[in-house]
Amino acid sequence: MAIKKEKKGELIKKYRKDDKDTGSAPVQIAIFSARIGQITEHLKLHQKDKHSRLGLIKLVSKRKKLLGYLKRVNREAYQKVVKELEIRI
């Protein structure tokens, strides 16, 4: 249930710091958020899919840890990412 290559490329272009940046915290948070949205939609149709639910919980946890790191290191970038991705905190 991976996100499409084009969508991932758009997210990387939008949140990267420079041309070679593909793995900074804002980029990873954006990619995780896209996957979380997809899995959430999947679970609306398939309520008994426990394996996907576990994957969703793991992704939310990873995103939460990255958000905490970004908040400690760069508060402005944290606020920007949370606002643009409409993440509840």
PDB file of N, CA and C in Angstrom:
ATOM      1  N   MET A   1       0.828  -1.172   0.000  1.00  0.00           N
ATOM      2  CA  MET A   1       0.000   0.000   0.000  1.00  0.00           C
ATOM      3  C   MET A   1       0.882   1.249   0.000  1.00  0.00           C
ATOM      4  N   ALA A   2       1.848   1.276  -0.871  1.00  0.00           N
ATOM      5  CA  ALA A   2       2.774   2.397  -0.949  1.00  0.00           C
ATOM      6  C   ALA A   2       2.148   3.542  -1.751  1.00  0.00           C
ATOM      7  N   ILE A   3       2.654   4.735  -1.524  1.00  0.00           N
ATOM      8  CA  ILE A   3       2.158   5.875  -2.296  1.00  0.00           C
ATOM      9  C   ILE A   3       2.820   5.842  -3.672  1.00  0.00           C
ATOM     10  N   LYS A   4       2.150   6.434  -4.643  1.00  0.00           N
ATOM     11  CA  LYS A   4       2.653   6.403  -6.012  1.00  0.00           C
ATOM     12  C   LYS A   4       3.914   7.245  -6.136  1.00  0.00           C
ATOM     13  N   LYS A   5       4.716   6.887  -7.108  1.00  0.00           N
ATOM     14  CA  LYS A   5       6.003   7.537  -7.331  1.00  0.00           C
ATOM     15  C   LYS A   5       5.841   9.031  -7.599  1.00  0.00           C
ATOM     16  N   GLU A   6       4.827   9.402  -8.374  1.00  0.00           N
ATOM     17  CA  GLU A   6       4.605  10.806  -8.706  1.00  0.00           C
ATOM     18  C   GLU A   6       4.230  11.612  -7.459  1.00  0.00           C
ATOM     19  N   LYS A   7       3.356  11.049  -6.637  1.00  0.00           N
ATOM     20  CA  LYS A   7       2.925  11.728  -5.418  1.00  0.00           C
ATOM     21  C   LYS A   7       4.100  11.914  -4.459  1.00  0.00           C
ATOM     22  N   LYS A   8       4.922  10.863  -4.330  1.00  0.00           N
ATOM     23  CA  LYS A   8       6.089  10.926  -3.453  1.00  0.00           C
ATOM     24  C   LYS A   8       7.071  11.987  -3.966  1.00  0.00           C
ATOM     25  N   GLY A   9       7.265  12.051  -5.284  1.00  0.00           N
ATOM     26  CA  GLY A   9       8.145  13.058  -5.871  1.00  0.00           C
ATOM     27  C   GLY A   9       7.657  14.471  -5.610  1.00  0.00           C
ATOM     28  N   GLU A  10       6.339  14.667  -5.699  1.00  0.00           N
ATOM     29  CA  GLU A  10       5.772  15.984  -5.417  1.00  0.00           C
ATOM     30  C   GLU A  10       6.003  16.391  -3.963  1.00  0.00           C
ATOM     31  N   LEU A  11       5.809  15.442  -3.052  1.00  0.00           N
ATOM     32  CA  LEU A  11       6.023  15.741  -1.636  1.00  0.00           C
ATOM     33  C   LEU A  11       7.484  16.082  -1.355  1.00  0.00           C
ATOM     34  N   ILE A  12       8.387  15.340  -1.971  1.00  0.00           N
ATOM     35  CA  ILE A  12       9.818  15.604  -1.773  1.00  0.00           C
ATOM     36  C   ILE A  12      10.165  16.990  -2.299  1.00  0.00           C
ATOM     37  N   LYS A  13       9.672  17.340  -3.490  1.00  0.00           N
ATOM     38  CA  LYS A  13       9.962  18.659  -4.050  1.00  0.00           C
ATOM     39  C   LYS A  13       9.411  19.787  -3.186  1.00  0.00           C
ATOM     40  N   LYS A  14       8.260  19.560  -2.592  1.00  0.00           N
ATOM     41  CA  LYS A  14       7.620  20.612  -1.804  1.00  0.00           C
ATOM     42  C   LYS A  14       8.318  20.855  -0.467  1.00  0.00           C
ATOM     43  N   TYR A  15       8.790  19.803   0.186  1.00  0.00           N
ATOM     44  CA  TYR A  15       9.305  19.930   1.549  1.00  0.00           C
ATOM     45  C   TYR A  15      10.822  19.836   1.671  1.00  0.00           C
ATOM     46  N   ARG A  16      11.540  19.655   0.583  1.00  0.00           N
ATOM     47  CA  ARG A  16      12.997  19.520   0.687  1.00  0.00           C
ATOM     48  C   ARG A  16      13.673  20.858   0.938  1.00  0.00           C
ATOM     49  N   LYS A  17      14.893  20.770   1.477  1.00  0.00           N
ATOM     50  CA  LYS A  17      15.666  21.977   1.772  1.00  0.00           C
ATOM     51  C   LYS A  17      16.497  22.417   0.572  1.00  0.00           C
ATOM     52  N   ASP A  18      17.046  21.451  -0.163  1.00  0.00           N
ATOM     53  CA  ASP A  18      17.811  21.752  -1.369  1.00  0.00           C
ATOM     54  C   ASP A  18      17.567  20.646  -2.390  1.00  0.00           C
ATOM     55  N   ASP A  19      18.263  20.706  -3.521  1.00  0.00           N
ATOM     56  CA  ASP A  19      18.005  19.767  -4.618  1.00  0.00           C
ATOM     57  C   ASP A  19      18.314  18.317  -4.275  1.00  0.00           C
ATOM     58  N   LYS A  20      19.273  18.081  -3.401  1.00  0.00           N
ATOM     59  CA  LYS A  20      19.671  16.712  -3.083  1.00  0.00           C
ATOM     60  C   LYS A  20      18.977  16.152  -1.845  1.00  0.00           C
ATOM     61  N   ASP A  21      18.127  16.933  -1.209  1.00  0.00           N
ATOM     62  CA  ASP A  21      17.482  16.524   0.035  1.00  0.00           C
ATOM     63  C   ASP A  21      16.298  15.608  -0.264  1.00  0.00           C
ATOM     64  N   THR A  22      16.372  14.367   0.224  1.00  0.00           N
ATOM     65  CA  THR A  22      15.251  13.441   0.067  1.00  0.00           C
ATOM     66  C   THR A  22      14.860  12.789   1.378  1.00  0.00           C
ATOM     67  N   GLY A  23      15.594  13.049   2.457  1.00  0.00           N
ATOM     68  CA  GLY A  23      15.321  12.335   3.687  1.00  0.00           C
ATOM     69  C   GLY A  23      15.297  13.179   4.936  1.00  0.00           C
ATOM     70  N   SER A  24      15.156  14.486   4.799  1.00  0.00           N
ATOM     71  CA  SER A  24      15.104  15.326   5.996  1.00  0.00           C
ATOM     72  C   SER A  24      13.784  15.080   6.732  1.00  0.00           C
ATOM     73  N   ALA A  25      13.710  15.540   7.952  1.00  0.00           N
ATOM     74  CA  ALA A  25      12.528  15.295   8.778  1.00  0.00           C
ATOM     75  C   ALA A  25      11.228  15.813   8.140  1.00  0.00           C
ATOM     76  N   PRO A  26      11.192  17.041   7.605  1.00  0.00           N
ATOM     77  CA  PRO A  26       9.932  17.491   6.980  1.00  0.00           C
ATOM     78  C   PRO A  26       9.494  16.613   5.802  1.00  0.00           C
ATOM     79  N   VAL A  27      10.456  16.140   5.021  1.00  0.00           N
ATOM     80  CA  VAL A  27      10.131  15.270   3.879  1.00  0.00           C
ATOM     81  C   VAL A  27       9.557  13.954   4.382  1.00  0.00           C
ATOM     82  N   GLN A  28      10.191  13.359   5.372  1.00  0.00           N
ATOM     83  CA  GLN A  28       9.714  12.086   5.913  1.00  0.00           C
ATOM     84  C   GLN A  28       8.331  12.238   6.543  1.00  0.00           C
ATOM     85  N   ILE A  29       8.113  13.342   7.250  1.00  0.00           N
ATOM     86  CA  ILE A  29       6.806  13.580   7.868  1.00  0.00           C
ATOM     87  C   ILE A  29       5.724  13.693   6.803  1.00  0.00           C
ATOM     88  N   ALA A  30       6.022  14.377   5.712  1.00  0.00           N
ATOM     89  CA  ALA A  30       5.047  14.529   4.626  1.00  0.00           C
ATOM     90  C   ALA A  30       4.723  13.176   3.991  1.00  0.00           C
ATOM     91  N   ILE A  31       5.738  12.354   3.774  1.00  0.00           N
ATOM     92  CA  ILE A  31       5.523  11.034   3.180  1.00  0.00           C
ATOM     93  C   ILE A  31       4.726  10.141   4.125  1.00  0.00           C
ATOM     94  N   PHE A  32       5.080  10.160   5.409  1.00  0.00           N
ATOM     95  CA  PHE A  32       4.324   9.381   6.387  1.00  0.00           C
ATOM     96  C   PHE A  32       2.871   9.836   6.438  1.00  0.00           C
ATOM     97  N   SER A  33       2.638  11.137   6.360  1.00  0.00           N
ATOM     98  CA  SER A  33       1.271  11.662   6.421  1.00  0.00           C
ATOM     99  C   SER A  33       0.446  11.190   5.224  1.00  0.00           C
ATOM    100  N   ALA A  34       1.066  11.145   4.058  1.00  0.00           N
ATOM    101  CA  ALA A  34       0.367  10.664   2.864  1.00  0.00           C
ATOM    102  C   ALA A  34      -0.005   9.193   3.026  1.00  0.00           C
ATOM    103  N   ARG A  35       0.931   8.392   3.525  1.00  0.00           N
ATOM    104  CA  ARG A  35       0.652   6.966   3.740  1.00  0.00           C
ATOM    105  C   ARG A  35      -0.400   6.761   4.816  1.00  0.00           C
ATOM    106  N   ILE A  36      -0.352   7.565   5.860  1.00  0.00           N
ATOM    107  CA  ILE A  36      -1.356   7.471   6.927  1.00  0.00           C
ATOM    108  C   ILE A  36      -2.746   7.751   6.363  1.00  0.00           C
ATOM    109  N   GLY A  37      -2.852   8.744   5.500  1.00  0.00           N
ATOM    110  CA  GLY A  37      -4.131   9.054   4.868  1.00  0.00           C
ATOM    111  C   GLY A  37      -4.656   7.905   4.025  1.00  0.00           C
ATOM    112  N   GLN A  38      -3.767   7.262   3.272  1.00  0.00           N
ATOM    113  CA  GLN A  38      -4.176   6.125   2.446  1.00  0.00           C
ATOM    114  C   GLN A  38      -4.650   4.956   3.295  1.00  0.00           C
ATOM    115  N   ILE A  39      -3.898   4.648   4.324  1.00  0.00           N
ATOM    116  CA  ILE A  39      -4.263   3.509   5.173  1.00  0.00           C
ATOM    117  C   ILE A  39      -5.565   3.797   5.922  1.00  0.00           C
ATOM    118  N   THR A  40      -5.763   5.037   6.323  1.00  0.00           N
ATOM    119  CA  THR A  40      -7.001   5.415   7.004  1.00  0.00           C
ATOM    120  C   THR A  40      -8.201   5.189   6.090  1.00  0.00           C
ATOM    121  N   GLU A  41      -8.077   5.588   4.832  1.00  0.00           N
ATOM    122  CA  GLU A  41      -9.157   5.371   3.873  1.00  0.00           C
ATOM    123  C   GLU A  41      -9.399   3.877   3.662  1.00  0.00           C
ATOM    124  N   HIS A  42      -8.348   3.092   3.596  1.00  0.00           N
ATOM    125  CA  HIS A  42      -8.462   1.649   3.432  1.00  0.00           C
ATOM    126  C   HIS A  42      -9.210   1.039   4.624  1.00  0.00           C
ATOM    127  N   LEU A  43      -8.886   1.496   5.826  1.00  0.00           N
ATOM    128  CA  LEU A  43      -9.510   0.935   7.027  1.00  0.00           C
ATOM    129  C   LEU A  43     -10.978   1.332   7.167  1.00  0.00           C
ATOM    130  N   LYS A  44     -11.387   2.404   6.509  1.00  0.00           N
ATOM    131  CA  LYS A  44     -12.801   2.766   6.526  1.00  0.00           C
ATOM    132  C   LYS A  44     -13.632   1.712   5.793  1.00  0.00           C
ATOM    133  N   LEU A  45     -13.040   1.119   4.764  1.00  0.00           N
ATOM    134  CA  LEU A  45     -13.733   0.078   4.002  1.00  0.00           C
ATOM    135  C   LEU A  45     -13.552  -1.308   4.612  1.00  0.00           C
ATOM    136  N   HIS A  46     -12.397  -1.545   5.216  1.00  0.00           N
ATOM    137  CA  HIS A  46     -12.045  -2.868   5.721  1.00  0.00           C
ATOM    138  C   HIS A  46     -11.737  -2.770   7.219  1.00  0.00           C
ATOM    139  N   GLN A  47     -12.779  -2.715   8.020  1.00  0.00           N
ATOM    140  CA  GLN A  47     -12.611  -2.493   9.453  1.00  0.00           C
ATOM    141  C   GLN A  47     -11.870  -3.637  10.150  1.00  0.00           C
ATOM    142  N   LYS A  48     -11.936  -4.840   9.625  1.00  0.00           N
ATOM    143  CA  LYS A  48     -11.346  -5.991  10.297  1.00  0.00           C
ATOM    144  C   LYS A  48      -9.909  -6.273   9.866  1.00  0.00           C
ATOM    145  N   ASP A  49      -9.327  -5.399   9.104  1.00  0.00           N
ATOM    146  CA  ASP A  49      -7.949  -5.582   8.633  1.00  0.00           C
ATOM    147  C   ASP A  49      -6.974  -5.170   9.742  1.00  0.00           C
ATOM    148  N   LYS A  50      -6.660  -6.118  10.588  1.00  0.00           N
ATOM    149  CA  LYS A  50      -5.829  -5.835  11.767  1.00  0.00           C
ATOM    150  C   LYS A  50      -4.375  -5.564  11.395  1.00  0.00           C
ATOM    151  N   HIS A  51      -3.886  -6.180  10.342  1.00  0.00           N
ATOM    152  CA  HIS A  51      -2.496  -5.976   9.939  1.00  0.00           C
ATOM    153  C   HIS A  51      -2.269  -4.544   9.455  1.00  0.00           C
ATOM    154  N   SER A  52      -3.206  -4.027   8.686  1.00  0.00           N
ATOM    155  CA  SER A  52      -3.085  -2.638   8.238  1.00  0.00           C
ATOM    156  C   SER A  52      -3.222  -1.673   9.409  1.00  0.00           C
ATOM    157  N   ARG A  53      -4.070  -2.009  10.370  1.00  0.00           N
ATOM    158  CA  ARG A  53      -4.240  -1.157  11.547  1.00  0.00           C
ATOM    159  C   ARG A  53      -2.935  -1.074  12.339  1.00  0.00           C
ATOM    160  N   LEU A  54      -2.250  -2.204  12.471  1.00  0.00           N
ATOM    161  CA  LEU A  54      -0.966  -2.220  13.166  1.00  0.00           C
ATOM    162  C   LEU A  54       0.057  -1.360  12.416  1.00  0.00           C
ATOM    163  N   GLY A  55       0.079  -1.476  11.083  1.00  0.00           N
ATOM    164  CA  GLY A  55       0.975  -0.649  10.282  1.00  0.00           C
ATOM    165  C   GLY A  55       0.672   0.830  10.441  1.00  0.00           C
ATOM    166  N   LEU A  56      -0.611   1.158  10.515  1.00  0.00           N
ATOM    167  CA  LEU A  56      -1.021   2.553  10.724  1.00  0.00           C
ATOM    168  C   LEU A  56      -0.510   3.070  12.067  1.00  0.00           C
ATOM    169  N   ILE A  57      -0.650   2.262  13.094  1.00  0.00           N
ATOM    170  CA  ILE A  57      -0.194   2.677  14.426  1.00  0.00           C
ATOM    171  C   ILE A  57       1.318   2.899  14.424  1.00  0.00           C
ATOM    172  N   LYS A  58       2.058   2.033  13.740  1.00  0.00           N
ATOM    173  CA  LYS A  58       3.510   2.189  13.660  1.00  0.00           C
ATOM    174  C   LYS A  58       3.895   3.463  12.915  1.00  0.00           C
ATOM    175  N   LEU A  59       3.190   3.755  11.812  1.00  0.00           N
ATOM    176  CA  LEU A  59       3.482   4.970  11.052  1.00  0.00           C
ATOM    177  C   LEU A  59       3.184   6.223  11.858  1.00  0.00           C
ATOM    178  N   VAL A  60       2.070   6.226  12.572  1.00  0.00           N
ATOM    179  CA  VAL A  60       1.719   7.383  13.396  1.00  0.00           C
ATOM    180  C   VAL A  60       2.784   7.591  14.469  1.00  0.00           C
ATOM    181  N   SER A  61       3.278   6.499  15.032  1.00  0.00           N
ATOM    182  CA  SER A  61       4.315   6.595  16.057  1.00  0.00           C
ATOM    183  C   SER A  61       5.613   7.163  15.481  1.00  0.00           C
ATOM    184  N   LYS A  62       6.009   6.695  14.304  1.00  0.00           N
ATOM    185  CA  LYS A  62       7.222   7.215  13.664  1.00  0.00           C
ATOM    186  C   LYS A  62       7.085   8.704  13.369  1.00  0.00           C
ATOM    187  N   ARG A  63       5.906   9.081  12.849  1.00  0.00           N
ATOM    188  CA  ARG A  63       5.677  10.494  12.531  1.00  0.00           C
ATOM    189  C   ARG A  63       5.715  11.340  13.789  1.00  0.00           C
ATOM    190  N   LYS A  64       5.150  10.829  14.877  1.00  0.00           N
ATOM    191  CA  LYS A  64       5.141  11.568  16.137  1.00  0.00           C
ATOM    192  C   LYS A  64       6.563  11.783  16.649  1.00  0.00           C
ATOM    193  N   LYS A  65       7.411  10.763  16.537  1.00  0.00           N
ATOM    194  CA  LYS A  65       8.804  10.893  16.971  1.00  0.00           C
ATOM    195  C   LYS A  65       9.541  11.925  16.116  1.00  0.00           C
ATOM    196  N   LEU A  66       9.318  11.884  14.798  1.00  0.00           N
ATOM    197  CA  LEU A  66       9.963  12.863  13.925  1.00  0.00           C
ATOM    198  C   LEU A  66       9.468  14.281  14.209  1.00  0.00           C
ATOM    199  N   LEU A  67       8.188  14.418  14.500  1.00  0.00           N
ATOM    200  CA  LEU A  67       7.651  15.741  14.844  1.00  0.00           C
ATOM    201  C   LEU A  67       8.281  16.264  16.132  1.00  0.00           C
ATOM    202  N   GLY A  68       8.474  15.390  17.092  1.00  0.00           N
ATOM    203  CA  GLY A  68       9.132  15.795  18.339  1.00  0.00           C
ATOM    204  C   GLY A  68      10.550  16.250  18.098  1.00  0.00           C
ATOM    205  N   TYR A  69      11.267  15.516  17.250  1.00  0.00           N
ATOM    206  CA  TYR A  69      12.642  15.888  16.903  1.00  0.00           C
ATOM    207  C   TYR A  69      12.655  17.244  16.211  1.00  0.00           C
ATOM    208  N   LEU A  70      11.776  17.418  15.227  1.00  0.00           N
ATOM    209  CA  LEU A  70      11.734  18.675  14.476  1.00  0.00           C
ATOM    210  C   LEU A  70      11.355  19.840  15.384  1.00  0.00           C
ATOM    211  N   LYS A  71      10.485  19.597  16.341  1.00  0.00           N
ATOM    212  CA  LYS A  71      10.085  20.644  17.278  1.00  0.00           C
ATOM    213  C   LYS A  71      11.262  21.085  18.141  1.00  0.00           C
ATOM    214  N   ARG A  72      12.111  20.131  18.552  1.00  0.00           N
ATOM    215  CA  ARG A  72      13.279  20.466  19.367  1.00  0.00           C
ATOM    216  C   ARG A  72      14.337  21.199  18.558  1.00  0.00           C
ATOM    217  N   VAL A  73      14.554  20.770  17.326  1.00  0.00           N
ATOM    218  CA  VAL A  73      15.658  21.287  16.518  1.00  0.00           C
ATOM    219  C   VAL A  73      15.294  22.580  15.790  1.00  0.00           C
ATOM    220  N   ASN A  74      14.110  22.629  15.186  1.00  0.00           N
ATOM    221  CA  ASN A  74      13.743  23.772  14.347  1.00  0.00           C
ATOM    222  C   ASN A  74      12.249  24.046  14.512  1.00  0.00           C
ATOM    223  N   ARG A  75      11.913  24.887  15.460  1.00  0.00           N
ATOM    224  CA  ARG A  75      10.512  25.152  15.791  1.00  0.00           C
ATOM    225  C   ARG A  75       9.753  25.756  14.605  1.00  0.00           C
ATOM    226  N   GLU A  76      10.388  26.614  13.811  1.00  0.00           N
ATOM    227  CA  GLU A  76       9.713  27.250  12.675  1.00  0.00           C
ATOM    228  C   GLU A  76       9.320  26.233  11.617  1.00  0.00           C
ATOM    229  N   ALA A  77      10.230  25.322  11.301  1.00  0.00           N
ATOM    230  CA  ALA A  77       9.935  24.274  10.322  1.00  0.00           C
ATOM    231  C   ALA A  77       8.831  23.364  10.845  1.00  0.00           C
ATOM    232  N   TYR A  78       8.860  23.085  12.140  1.00  0.00           N
ATOM    233  CA  TYR A  78       7.830  22.253  12.770  1.00  0.00           C
ATOM    234  C   TYR A  78       6.451  22.892  12.591  1.00  0.00           C
ATOM    235  N   GLN A  79       6.345  24.174  12.912  1.00  0.00           N
ATOM    236  CA  GLN A  79       5.064  24.859  12.804  1.00  0.00           C
ATOM    237  C   GLN A  79       4.579  24.913  11.358  1.00  0.00           C
ATOM    238  N   LYS A  80       5.507  25.109  10.431  1.00  0.00           N
ATOM    239  CA  LYS A  80       5.156  25.158   9.011  1.00  0.00           C
ATOM    240  C   LYS A  80       4.605  23.815   8.540  1.00  0.00           C
ATOM    241  N   VAL A  81       5.297  22.733   8.903  1.00  0.00           N
ATOM    242  CA  VAL A  81       4.882  21.397   8.468  1.00  0.00           C
ATOM    243  C   VAL A  81       3.531  21.035   9.072  1.00  0.00           C
ATOM    244  N   VAL A  82       3.349  21.304  10.361  1.00  0.00           N
ATOM    245  CA  VAL A  82       2.085  20.976  11.032  1.00  0.00           C
ATOM    246  C   VAL A  82       0.927  21.748  10.402  1.00  0.00           C
ATOM    247  N   LYS A  83       1.161  23.011  10.079  1.00  0.00           N
ATOM    248  CA  LYS A  83       0.105  23.832   9.493  1.00  0.00           C
ATOM    249  C   LYS A  83      -0.241  23.367   8.075  1.00  0.00           C
ATOM    250  N   GLU A  84       0.771  23.115   7.253  1.00  0.00           N
ATOM    251  CA  GLU A  84       0.534  22.744   5.864  1.00  0.00           C
ATOM    252  C   GLU A  84      -0.092  21.355   5.744  1.00  0.00           C
ATOM    253  N   LEU A  85       0.331  20.426   6.593  1.00  0.00           N
ATOM    254  CA  LEU A  85      -0.200  19.067   6.513  1.00  0.00           C
ATOM    255  C   LEU A  85      -1.450  18.861   7.359  1.00  0.00           C
ATOM    256  N   GLU A  86      -1.852  19.918   8.093  1.00  0.00           N
ATOM    257  CA  GLU A  86      -3.028  19.881   8.952  1.00  0.00           C
ATOM    258  C   GLU A  86      -2.976  18.701   9.917  1.00  0.00           C
ATOM    259  N   ILE A  87      -1.856  18.612  10.640  1.00  0.00           N
ATOM    260  CA  ILE A  87      -1.652  17.545  11.605  1.00  0.00           C
ATOM    261  C   ILE A  87      -2.170  18.023  12.949  1.00  0.00           C
ATOM    262  N   ARG A  88      -2.972  17.187  13.596  1.00  0.00           N
ATOM    263  CA  ARG A  88      -3.450  17.506  14.940  1.00  0.00           C
ATOM    264  C   ARG A  88      -2.354  17.171  15.943  1.00  0.00           C
ATOM    265  N   ILE A  89      -2.126  18.077  16.863  1.00  0.00           N
ATOM    266  CA  ILE A  89      -1.087  17.826  17.872  1.00  0.00           C
ATOM    267  C   ILE A  89      -1.668  17.912  19.266  1.00  0.00           C
TER     268      ILE A  89
END
